[in-house]
Amino acid sequence: MKSLLNKTWFTVAGSLLLAWCLAAVLHESVVGVSRVQNESMLPYLKPGDWVLYIKWQPCVRIPFTQITFACSPCVVGHAYIFAEPKHRRHKLVKFAAAEIENRQSADYKRDIISFTQHKAMSAHAPLVNSCYFLGGNLENSVDSRSFGRIPLDAIEGEVVYPRIVMPR
């Protein structure tokens, strides 16, 4: 009886340890979750919403390292998550966009038609090494207009739930 109890305990403990290791690898290399903290993505995401993101887009990462490879371009209109350049502990969710040529324009909304009308970021700055990001709520968003383009290997992943894409 005691031998059976020890074997059962060992099996349960081993199974829990294996499950924890698998969950850690999945969380580190495949999926992540984050919570929206402000109104920069209204009306698409509200403060308090949770997002699920896939970490192998736009770059595949080796688990438990910062090594990336097989990077692909950002898709204009899709939402991505990345660390804010000035405050690396803060994560931002923004839409990949075509870079605005006239940043001094009084009417950003008119200039942002490039969100959906361009299939590449811009002719002079291709998507190969970095992406330009804009928030959904332009009046209340800190985005690439203030901190510039984000390198592909600094992007943590593409938001897959809730599936938000800039409307056409």
N, C-alpha and C. Protein backbone atom coordinates (compact mmCIF):
# COMPACT_ATOMS: atom_id res chain seq x y z
N MET A 1 0.83 -1.20 0.00
CA MET A 1 0.00 0.00 0.00
C MET A 1 0.87 1.26 0.00
N LYS A 2 1.90 1.29 0.88
CA LYS A 2 2.78 2.45 0.95
C LYS A 2 3.57 2.63 -0.35
N SER A 3 3.98 1.54 -0.96
CA SER A 3 4.71 1.60 -2.24
C SER A 3 3.82 2.18 -3.34
N LEU A 4 2.55 1.79 -3.38
CA LEU A 4 1.61 2.29 -4.37
C LEU A 4 1.38 3.79 -4.17
N LEU A 5 1.28 4.22 -2.90
CA LEU A 5 1.08 5.63 -2.58
C LEU A 5 2.29 6.45 -3.01
N ASN A 6 3.50 5.95 -2.77
CA ASN A 6 4.72 6.65 -3.18
C ASN A 6 4.81 6.74 -4.70
N LYS A 7 4.45 5.68 -5.40
CA LYS A 7 4.49 5.66 -6.86
C LYS A 7 3.47 6.66 -7.42
N THR A 8 2.28 6.72 -6.83
CA THR A 8 1.25 7.65 -7.26
C THR A 8 1.70 9.09 -7.05
N TRP A 9 2.28 9.37 -5.88
CA TRP A 9 2.74 10.72 -5.57
C TRP A 9 3.84 11.13 -6.56
N PHE A 10 4.77 10.22 -6.83
CA PHE A 10 5.85 10.48 -7.78
C PHE A 10 5.29 10.76 -9.17
N THR A 11 4.30 10.00 -9.60
CA THR A 11 3.68 10.19 -10.91
C THR A 11 2.98 11.54 -11.00
N VAL A 12 2.23 11.91 -9.96
CA VAL A 12 1.52 13.19 -9.94
C VAL A 12 2.52 14.35 -9.94
N ALA A 13 3.54 14.27 -9.09
CA ALA A 13 4.55 15.34 -9.00
C ALA A 13 5.30 15.47 -10.32
N GLY A 14 5.67 14.36 -10.93
CA GLY A 14 6.36 14.39 -12.22
C GLY A 14 5.50 14.98 -13.31
N SER A 15 4.22 14.62 -13.32
CA SER A 15 3.29 15.15 -14.32
C SER A 15 3.11 16.66 -14.17
N LEU A 16 2.99 17.13 -12.92
CA LEU A 16 2.86 18.58 -12.68
C LEU A 16 4.11 19.33 -13.10
N LEU A 17 5.27 18.77 -12.81
CA LEU A 17 6.53 19.41 -13.21
C LEU A 17 6.65 19.47 -14.72
N LEU A 18 6.31 18.40 -15.40
CA LEU A 18 6.35 18.38 -16.86
C LEU A 18 5.37 19.39 -17.46
N ALA A 19 4.16 19.46 -16.89
CA ALA A 19 3.16 20.42 -17.37
C ALA A 19 3.65 21.85 -17.16
N TRP A 20 4.26 22.12 -16.01
CA TRP A 20 4.78 23.46 -15.73
C TRP A 20 5.88 23.82 -16.73
N CYS A 21 6.79 22.88 -17.00
CA CYS A 21 7.87 23.13 -17.96
C CYS A 21 7.31 23.40 -19.36
N LEU A 22 6.34 22.62 -19.78
CA LEU A 22 5.72 22.82 -21.09
C LEU A 22 5.04 24.18 -21.16
N ALA A 23 4.31 24.54 -20.11
CA ALA A 23 3.63 25.85 -20.08
C ALA A 23 4.65 26.99 -20.12
N ALA A 24 5.77 26.84 -19.43
CA ALA A 24 6.81 27.87 -19.42
C ALA A 24 7.41 28.05 -20.82
N VAL A 25 7.68 26.95 -21.51
CA VAL A 25 8.24 27.03 -22.86
C VAL A 25 7.22 27.66 -23.82
N LEU A 26 5.95 27.25 -23.72
CA LEU A 26 4.92 27.84 -24.58
C LEU A 26 4.78 29.33 -24.33
N HIS A 27 4.76 29.72 -23.05
CA HIS A 27 4.61 31.14 -22.71
C HIS A 27 5.82 31.94 -23.17
N GLU A 28 6.99 31.37 -23.06
CA GLU A 28 8.21 32.08 -23.43
C GLU A 28 8.38 32.21 -24.94
N SER A 29 7.93 31.22 -25.70
CA SER A 29 8.25 31.22 -27.12
C SER A 29 7.06 31.24 -28.07
N VAL A 30 5.86 30.97 -27.61
CA VAL A 30 4.73 30.85 -28.53
C VAL A 30 3.67 31.91 -28.30
N VAL A 31 3.14 32.03 -27.09
CA VAL A 31 2.06 32.96 -26.82
C VAL A 31 2.35 33.82 -25.60
N GLY A 32 1.70 34.96 -25.55
CA GLY A 32 1.79 35.84 -24.41
C GLY A 32 0.46 36.54 -24.21
N VAL A 33 0.25 37.05 -23.01
CA VAL A 33 -0.95 37.82 -22.71
C VAL A 33 -0.53 39.14 -22.09
N SER A 34 -1.32 40.16 -22.35
CA SER A 34 -1.05 41.47 -21.79
C SER A 34 -2.38 42.20 -21.60
N ARG A 35 -2.38 43.15 -20.70
CA ARG A 35 -3.59 43.92 -20.40
C ARG A 35 -3.45 45.36 -20.88
N VAL A 36 -4.47 45.86 -21.52
CA VAL A 36 -4.49 47.24 -22.02
C VAL A 36 -4.63 48.18 -20.83
N GLN A 37 -3.77 49.22 -20.79
CA GLN A 37 -3.75 50.13 -19.65
C GLN A 37 -4.35 51.51 -19.93
N ASN A 38 -4.43 51.90 -21.20
CA ASN A 38 -4.90 53.26 -21.47
C ASN A 38 -5.84 53.28 -22.67
N GLU A 39 -6.18 54.48 -23.12
CA GLU A 39 -7.19 54.67 -24.17
C GLU A 39 -6.60 54.86 -25.57
N SER A 40 -5.34 54.51 -25.77
CA SER A 40 -4.70 54.79 -27.06
C SER A 40 -5.21 53.93 -28.21
N MET A 41 -5.91 52.83 -27.91
CA MET A 41 -6.42 51.96 -28.98
C MET A 41 -7.94 51.98 -29.07
N LEU A 42 -8.59 52.96 -28.42
CA LEU A 42 -10.04 53.08 -28.55
C LEU A 42 -10.39 53.37 -30.00
N PRO A 43 -11.43 52.89 -30.56
CA PRO A 43 -12.50 52.08 -29.99
C PRO A 43 -12.24 50.57 -30.09
N TYR A 44 -11.05 50.18 -30.55
CA TYR A 44 -10.76 48.77 -30.78
C TYR A 44 -10.48 48.00 -29.49
N LEU A 45 -9.74 48.62 -28.58
CA LEU A 45 -9.44 48.03 -27.28
C LEU A 45 -9.68 49.06 -26.19
N LYS A 46 -10.31 48.63 -25.11
CA LYS A 46 -10.59 49.52 -23.98
C LYS A 46 -9.61 49.23 -22.85
N PRO A 47 -9.38 50.21 -21.96
CA PRO A 47 -8.55 49.93 -20.79
C PRO A 47 -9.13 48.75 -20.01
N GLY A 48 -8.27 47.83 -19.63
CA GLY A 48 -8.71 46.64 -18.90
C GLY A 48 -8.88 45.41 -19.78
N ASP A 49 -8.97 45.59 -21.10
CA ASP A 49 -9.07 44.44 -22.01
C ASP A 49 -7.78 43.64 -21.99
N TRP A 50 -7.90 42.34 -22.17
CA TRP A 50 -6.75 41.45 -22.28
C TRP A 50 -6.52 41.13 -23.74
N VAL A 51 -5.26 41.03 -24.15
CA VAL A 51 -4.93 40.62 -25.51
C VAL A 51 -4.03 39.39 -25.46
N LEU A 52 -4.21 38.53 -26.42
CA LEU A 52 -3.39 37.34 -26.60
C LEU A 52 -2.57 37.57 -27.86
N TYR A 53 -1.27 37.34 -27.78
CA TYR A 53 -0.44 37.56 -28.94
C TYR A 53 0.47 36.37 -29.21
N ILE A 54 0.75 36.18 -30.50
CA ILE A 54 1.62 35.11 -30.96
C ILE A 54 3.03 35.67 -31.07
N LYS A 55 3.98 35.03 -30.42
CA LYS A 55 5.34 35.56 -30.36
C LYS A 55 6.20 35.22 -31.58
N TRP A 56 5.74 34.37 -32.47
CA TRP A 56 6.58 34.07 -33.64
C TRP A 56 6.30 35.00 -34.81
N GLN A 57 5.49 36.03 -34.62
CA GLN A 57 5.26 37.04 -35.64
C GLN A 57 5.71 38.39 -35.10
N PRO A 58 6.49 39.17 -35.73
CA PRO A 58 7.05 38.97 -37.05
C PRO A 58 8.36 38.17 -37.05
N CYS A 59 8.94 37.88 -35.88
CA CYS A 59 10.19 37.11 -35.83
C CYS A 59 10.03 35.88 -34.94
N VAL A 60 10.68 34.79 -35.31
CA VAL A 60 10.71 33.59 -34.48
C VAL A 60 11.80 33.79 -33.43
N ARG A 61 11.50 33.42 -32.20
CA ARG A 61 12.46 33.57 -31.10
C ARG A 61 12.88 32.21 -30.55
N ILE A 62 14.13 32.10 -30.17
CA ILE A 62 14.60 30.90 -29.49
C ILE A 62 14.18 31.04 -28.03
N PRO A 63 13.48 30.03 -27.46
CA PRO A 63 13.00 30.13 -26.08
C PRO A 63 14.10 30.50 -25.08
N PHE A 64 13.75 31.36 -24.14
CA PHE A 64 14.60 31.80 -23.04
C PHE A 64 15.85 32.56 -23.49
N THR A 65 15.81 33.11 -24.71
CA THR A 65 16.90 33.96 -25.20
C THR A 65 16.27 35.15 -25.91
N GLN A 66 17.09 36.07 -26.31
CA GLN A 66 16.62 37.21 -27.10
C GLN A 66 16.98 37.04 -28.57
N ILE A 67 17.38 35.83 -28.95
CA ILE A 67 17.80 35.56 -30.32
C ILE A 67 16.57 35.39 -31.21
N THR A 68 16.54 36.15 -32.31
CA THR A 68 15.43 36.08 -33.27
C THR A 68 15.97 35.71 -34.65
N PHE A 69 15.11 35.11 -35.45
CA PHE A 69 15.46 34.78 -36.83
C PHE A 69 14.18 34.66 -37.64
N ALA A 70 14.31 34.47 -38.94
CA ALA A 70 13.18 34.31 -39.85
C ALA A 70 12.16 35.44 -39.70
N CYS A 71 12.64 36.68 -39.65
CA CYS A 71 11.75 37.83 -39.52
C CYS A 71 11.03 38.09 -40.84
N SER A 72 9.75 38.44 -40.73
CA SER A 72 8.96 38.78 -41.90
C SER A 72 8.37 40.17 -41.69
N PRO A 73 7.98 40.84 -42.75
CA PRO A 73 7.46 42.21 -42.63
C PRO A 73 6.17 42.28 -41.80
N CYS A 74 5.97 43.42 -41.17
CA CYS A 74 4.70 43.68 -40.48
C CYS A 74 3.61 43.83 -41.54
N VAL A 75 2.41 43.45 -41.21
CA VAL A 75 1.28 43.60 -42.12
C VAL A 75 0.56 44.89 -41.75
N VAL A 76 0.50 45.82 -42.68
CA VAL A 76 -0.15 47.10 -42.43
C VAL A 76 -1.61 46.86 -42.03
N GLY A 77 -2.01 47.48 -40.91
CA GLY A 77 -3.38 47.35 -40.41
C GLY A 77 -3.52 46.32 -39.30
N HIS A 78 -2.53 45.43 -39.13
CA HIS A 78 -2.59 44.44 -38.05
C HIS A 78 -2.01 45.03 -36.78
N ALA A 79 -2.47 44.53 -35.63
CA ALA A 79 -2.01 45.03 -34.34
C ALA A 79 -0.84 44.19 -33.84
N TYR A 80 0.15 44.85 -33.27
CA TYR A 80 1.34 44.21 -32.71
C TYR A 80 1.59 44.74 -31.31
N ILE A 81 2.35 43.99 -30.54
CA ILE A 81 2.72 44.41 -29.19
C ILE A 81 4.24 44.50 -29.11
N PHE A 82 4.73 45.54 -28.45
CA PHE A 82 6.18 45.75 -28.32
C PHE A 82 6.44 46.61 -27.08
N ALA A 83 7.69 46.61 -26.63
CA ALA A 83 8.06 47.42 -25.47
C ALA A 83 8.23 48.87 -25.90
N GLU A 84 7.72 49.78 -25.08
CA GLU A 84 7.89 51.20 -25.36
C GLU A 84 9.39 51.52 -25.33
N PRO A 85 9.91 52.20 -26.35
CA PRO A 85 11.36 52.44 -26.42
C PRO A 85 11.96 53.15 -25.21
N LYS A 86 11.24 54.12 -24.65
CA LYS A 86 11.79 54.87 -23.52
C LYS A 86 11.58 54.18 -22.17
N HIS A 87 10.57 53.36 -22.07
CA HIS A 87 10.25 52.65 -20.83
C HIS A 87 10.07 51.17 -21.17
N ARG A 88 11.15 50.42 -21.23
CA ARG A 88 11.13 49.04 -21.71
C ARG A 88 10.18 48.12 -20.95
N ARG A 89 9.76 48.51 -19.75
CA ARG A 89 8.86 47.66 -18.97
C ARG A 89 7.40 47.80 -19.41
N HIS A 90 7.08 48.89 -20.12
CA HIS A 90 5.72 49.12 -20.61
C HIS A 90 5.55 48.51 -21.99
N LYS A 91 4.49 47.73 -22.15
CA LYS A 91 4.19 47.17 -23.47
C LYS A 91 3.12 48.02 -24.13
N LEU A 92 3.26 48.20 -25.44
CA LEU A 92 2.30 48.97 -26.22
C LEU A 92 1.66 48.08 -27.27
N VAL A 93 0.37 48.30 -27.51
CA VAL A 93 -0.34 47.63 -28.60
C VAL A 93 -0.68 48.72 -29.60
N LYS A 94 -0.23 48.54 -30.85
CA LYS A 94 -0.46 49.54 -31.90
C LYS A 94 -0.67 48.84 -33.24
N PHE A 95 -1.21 49.60 -34.20
CA PHE A 95 -1.39 49.11 -35.56
C PHE A 95 -0.14 49.41 -36.39
N ALA A 96 0.29 48.45 -37.20
CA ALA A 96 1.34 48.72 -38.17
C ALA A 96 0.73 49.63 -39.23
N ALA A 97 1.49 50.64 -39.65
CA ALA A 97 0.95 51.63 -40.58
C ALA A 97 2.02 52.07 -41.55
N ALA A 98 1.57 52.70 -42.62
CA ALA A 98 2.51 53.34 -43.54
C ALA A 98 2.97 54.62 -42.88
N GLU A 99 4.22 54.94 -43.03
CA GLU A 99 4.77 56.12 -42.36
C GLU A 99 4.16 57.40 -42.92
N ILE A 100 3.81 58.30 -42.04
CA ILE A 100 3.22 59.58 -42.44
C ILE A 100 4.32 60.49 -42.96
N GLU A 101 4.13 60.98 -44.16
CA GLU A 101 5.14 61.83 -44.77
C GLU A 101 5.16 63.22 -44.11
N ASN A 102 3.99 63.78 -43.84
CA ASN A 102 3.90 65.13 -43.29
C ASN A 102 3.47 65.04 -41.82
N ARG A 103 4.44 64.98 -40.93
CA ARG A 103 4.13 64.84 -39.50
C ARG A 103 3.61 66.15 -38.89
N GLN A 104 3.77 67.27 -39.57
CA GLN A 104 3.32 68.55 -39.04
C GLN A 104 1.88 68.87 -39.45
N SER A 105 1.24 67.99 -40.17
CA SER A 105 -0.11 68.25 -40.65
C SER A 105 -1.07 68.45 -39.48
N ALA A 106 -1.98 69.41 -39.64
CA ALA A 106 -2.97 69.67 -38.59
C ALA A 106 -4.03 68.57 -38.56
N ASP A 107 -4.21 67.89 -39.66
CA ASP A 107 -5.25 66.87 -39.72
C ASP A 107 -4.62 65.48 -39.92
N TYR A 108 -4.19 64.86 -38.81
CA TYR A 108 -3.57 63.54 -38.88
C TYR A 108 -4.52 62.51 -39.49
N LYS A 109 -5.81 62.62 -39.17
CA LYS A 109 -6.76 61.61 -39.66
C LYS A 109 -6.77 61.56 -41.19
N ARG A 110 -6.66 62.71 -41.83
CA ARG A 110 -6.62 62.72 -43.29
C ARG A 110 -5.33 62.05 -43.78
N ASP A 111 -4.24 62.30 -43.08
CA ASP A 111 -2.96 61.72 -43.47
C ASP A 111 -2.90 60.21 -43.21
N ILE A 112 -3.71 59.70 -42.31
CA ILE A 112 -3.63 58.31 -41.91
C ILE A 112 -4.37 57.39 -42.88
N ILE A 113 -4.89 57.92 -43.96
CA ILE A 113 -5.51 57.04 -44.94
C ILE A 113 -4.51 56.00 -45.42
N SER A 114 -3.25 56.26 -45.21
CA SER A 114 -2.20 55.32 -45.62
C SER A 114 -2.28 54.01 -44.84
N PHE A 115 -3.01 53.98 -43.72
CA PHE A 115 -3.20 52.74 -42.97
C PHE A 115 -3.62 51.61 -43.87
N THR A 116 -4.62 51.85 -44.69
CA THR A 116 -5.19 50.76 -45.47
C THR A 116 -4.94 50.88 -46.97
N GLN A 117 -4.49 52.03 -47.42
CA GLN A 117 -4.30 52.19 -48.85
C GLN A 117 -2.92 51.76 -49.32
N HIS A 118 -1.97 51.61 -48.41
CA HIS A 118 -0.63 51.18 -48.79
C HIS A 118 -0.42 49.74 -48.34
N LYS A 119 0.18 48.96 -49.18
CA LYS A 119 0.48 47.57 -48.81
C LYS A 119 1.88 47.46 -48.22
N ALA A 120 2.71 48.46 -48.42
CA ALA A 120 4.04 48.50 -47.80
C ALA A 120 4.11 49.75 -46.96
N MET A 121 5.07 49.81 -46.06
CA MET A 121 5.17 50.97 -45.17
C MET A 121 5.35 52.26 -45.96
N SER A 122 6.35 52.34 -46.77
CA SER A 122 6.53 53.47 -47.68
C SER A 122 7.65 53.09 -48.65
N ALA A 123 7.70 53.80 -49.77
CA ALA A 123 8.67 53.44 -50.80
C ALA A 123 10.10 53.67 -50.32
N HIS A 124 10.32 54.72 -49.52
CA HIS A 124 11.69 55.03 -49.11
C HIS A 124 12.10 54.30 -47.84
N ALA A 125 11.18 53.69 -47.12
CA ALA A 125 11.52 52.99 -45.88
C ALA A 125 10.78 51.67 -45.82
N PRO A 126 11.29 50.65 -46.49
CA PRO A 126 10.58 49.37 -46.57
C PRO A 126 10.48 48.69 -45.21
N LEU A 127 9.58 47.73 -45.15
CA LEU A 127 9.29 46.98 -43.92
C LEU A 127 10.38 46.01 -43.51
N VAL A 128 11.43 45.92 -44.24
CA VAL A 128 12.41 44.87 -44.04
C VAL A 128 12.97 44.84 -42.63
N ASN A 129 13.38 45.97 -42.08
CA ASN A 129 14.06 45.97 -40.79
C ASN A 129 13.27 46.56 -39.63
N SER A 130 12.22 47.31 -39.92
CA SER A 130 11.49 47.98 -38.85
C SER A 130 10.05 48.26 -39.28
N CYS A 131 9.23 48.64 -38.31
CA CYS A 131 7.82 48.94 -38.58
C CYS A 131 7.45 50.29 -37.97
N TYR A 132 6.51 50.94 -38.59
CA TYR A 132 5.96 52.21 -38.12
C TYR A 132 4.60 51.90 -37.50
N PHE A 133 4.33 52.42 -36.30
CA PHE A 133 3.10 52.08 -35.58
C PHE A 133 2.30 53.31 -35.22
N LEU A 134 0.96 53.16 -35.26
CA LEU A 134 0.04 54.22 -34.85
C LEU A 134 -1.04 53.61 -33.96
N GLY A 135 -1.50 54.39 -32.99
CA GLY A 135 -2.61 53.95 -32.15
C GLY A 135 -3.93 54.15 -32.85
N GLY A 136 -4.98 53.48 -32.37
CA GLY A 136 -6.30 53.63 -32.94
C GLY A 136 -6.93 54.97 -32.59
N ASN A 137 -6.58 55.52 -31.45
CA ASN A 137 -7.08 56.80 -30.95
C ASN A 137 -5.94 57.81 -31.09
N LEU A 138 -5.82 58.41 -32.26
CA LEU A 138 -4.65 59.23 -32.59
C LEU A 138 -4.43 60.42 -31.67
N GLU A 139 -5.51 60.99 -31.15
CA GLU A 139 -5.37 62.15 -30.27
C GLU A 139 -4.82 61.76 -28.90
N ASN A 140 -4.90 60.49 -28.54
CA ASN A 140 -4.51 60.05 -27.20
C ASN A 140 -3.54 58.87 -27.28
N SER A 141 -2.59 58.94 -28.21
CA SER A 141 -1.70 57.81 -28.42
C SER A 141 -0.25 58.24 -28.51
N VAL A 142 0.61 57.55 -27.79
CA VAL A 142 2.05 57.69 -27.95
C VAL A 142 2.46 56.57 -28.89
N ASP A 143 2.97 56.94 -30.05
CA ASP A 143 3.27 55.94 -31.07
C ASP A 143 4.48 56.38 -31.88
N SER A 144 4.66 55.82 -33.06
CA SER A 144 5.85 56.12 -33.87
C SER A 144 5.97 57.58 -34.27
N ARG A 145 4.90 58.34 -34.16
CA ARG A 145 5.00 59.77 -34.43
C ARG A 145 5.92 60.43 -33.42
N SER A 146 6.03 59.85 -32.20
CA SER A 146 6.90 60.44 -31.19
C SER A 146 8.19 59.66 -30.96
N PHE A 147 8.20 58.35 -31.16
CA PHE A 147 9.43 57.60 -30.89
C PHE A 147 10.03 56.91 -32.11
N GLY A 148 9.43 57.08 -33.28
CA GLY A 148 10.02 56.54 -34.50
C GLY A 148 9.68 55.07 -34.76
N ARG A 149 10.38 54.50 -35.71
CA ARG A 149 10.14 53.11 -36.11
C ARG A 149 10.69 52.14 -35.06
N ILE A 150 10.10 50.94 -35.03
CA ILE A 150 10.51 49.89 -34.10
C ILE A 150 11.18 48.77 -34.90
N PRO A 151 12.38 48.35 -34.51
CA PRO A 151 13.04 47.24 -35.21
C PRO A 151 12.20 45.96 -35.10
N LEU A 152 12.21 45.15 -36.15
CA LEU A 152 11.42 43.91 -36.15
C LEU A 152 11.74 43.01 -34.97
N ASP A 153 13.01 42.89 -34.62
CA ASP A 153 13.36 41.97 -33.53
C ASP A 153 12.98 42.50 -32.15
N ALA A 154 12.53 43.76 -32.07
CA ALA A 154 12.06 44.32 -30.80
C ALA A 154 10.55 44.15 -30.61
N ILE A 155 9.86 43.70 -31.65
CA ILE A 155 8.41 43.49 -31.57
C ILE A 155 8.16 42.14 -30.90
N GLU A 156 7.33 42.14 -29.86
CA GLU A 156 7.10 40.90 -29.11
C GLU A 156 6.16 39.95 -29.80
N GLY A 157 5.20 40.46 -30.57
CA GLY A 157 4.30 39.55 -31.27
C GLY A 157 3.12 40.26 -31.91
N GLU A 158 2.32 39.47 -32.64
CA GLU A 158 1.12 39.97 -33.30
C GLU A 158 -0.10 39.59 -32.47
N VAL A 159 -0.97 40.56 -32.25
CA VAL A 159 -2.20 40.32 -31.48
C VAL A 159 -3.13 39.42 -32.28
N VAL A 160 -3.57 38.32 -31.65
CA VAL A 160 -4.48 37.40 -32.33
C VAL A 160 -5.85 37.33 -31.66
N TYR A 161 -5.94 37.77 -30.39
CA TYR A 161 -7.24 37.82 -29.73
C TYR A 161 -7.27 39.01 -28.80
N PRO A 162 -8.27 39.85 -28.86
CA PRO A 162 -9.28 39.86 -29.90
C PRO A 162 -8.65 40.25 -31.23
N ARG A 163 -9.17 39.69 -32.30
CA ARG A 163 -8.61 39.94 -33.62
C ARG A 163 -9.02 41.34 -34.04
N ILE A 164 -8.10 42.26 -34.00
CA ILE A 164 -8.39 43.64 -34.40
C ILE A 164 -7.53 43.99 -35.60
N VAL A 165 -8.18 44.50 -36.61
CA VAL A 165 -7.50 44.93 -37.82
C VAL A 165 -8.10 46.28 -38.17
N MET A 166 -7.27 47.20 -38.57
CA MET A 166 -7.74 48.52 -38.96
C MET A 166 -8.75 48.35 -40.08
N PRO A 167 -9.95 48.93 -39.97
CA PRO A 167 -10.98 48.75 -41.01
C PRO A 167 -10.57 49.41 -42.32
N ARG A 168 -11.09 48.84 -43.40
CA ARG A 168 -10.79 49.38 -44.75
C ARG A 168 -11.77 50.45 -45.10
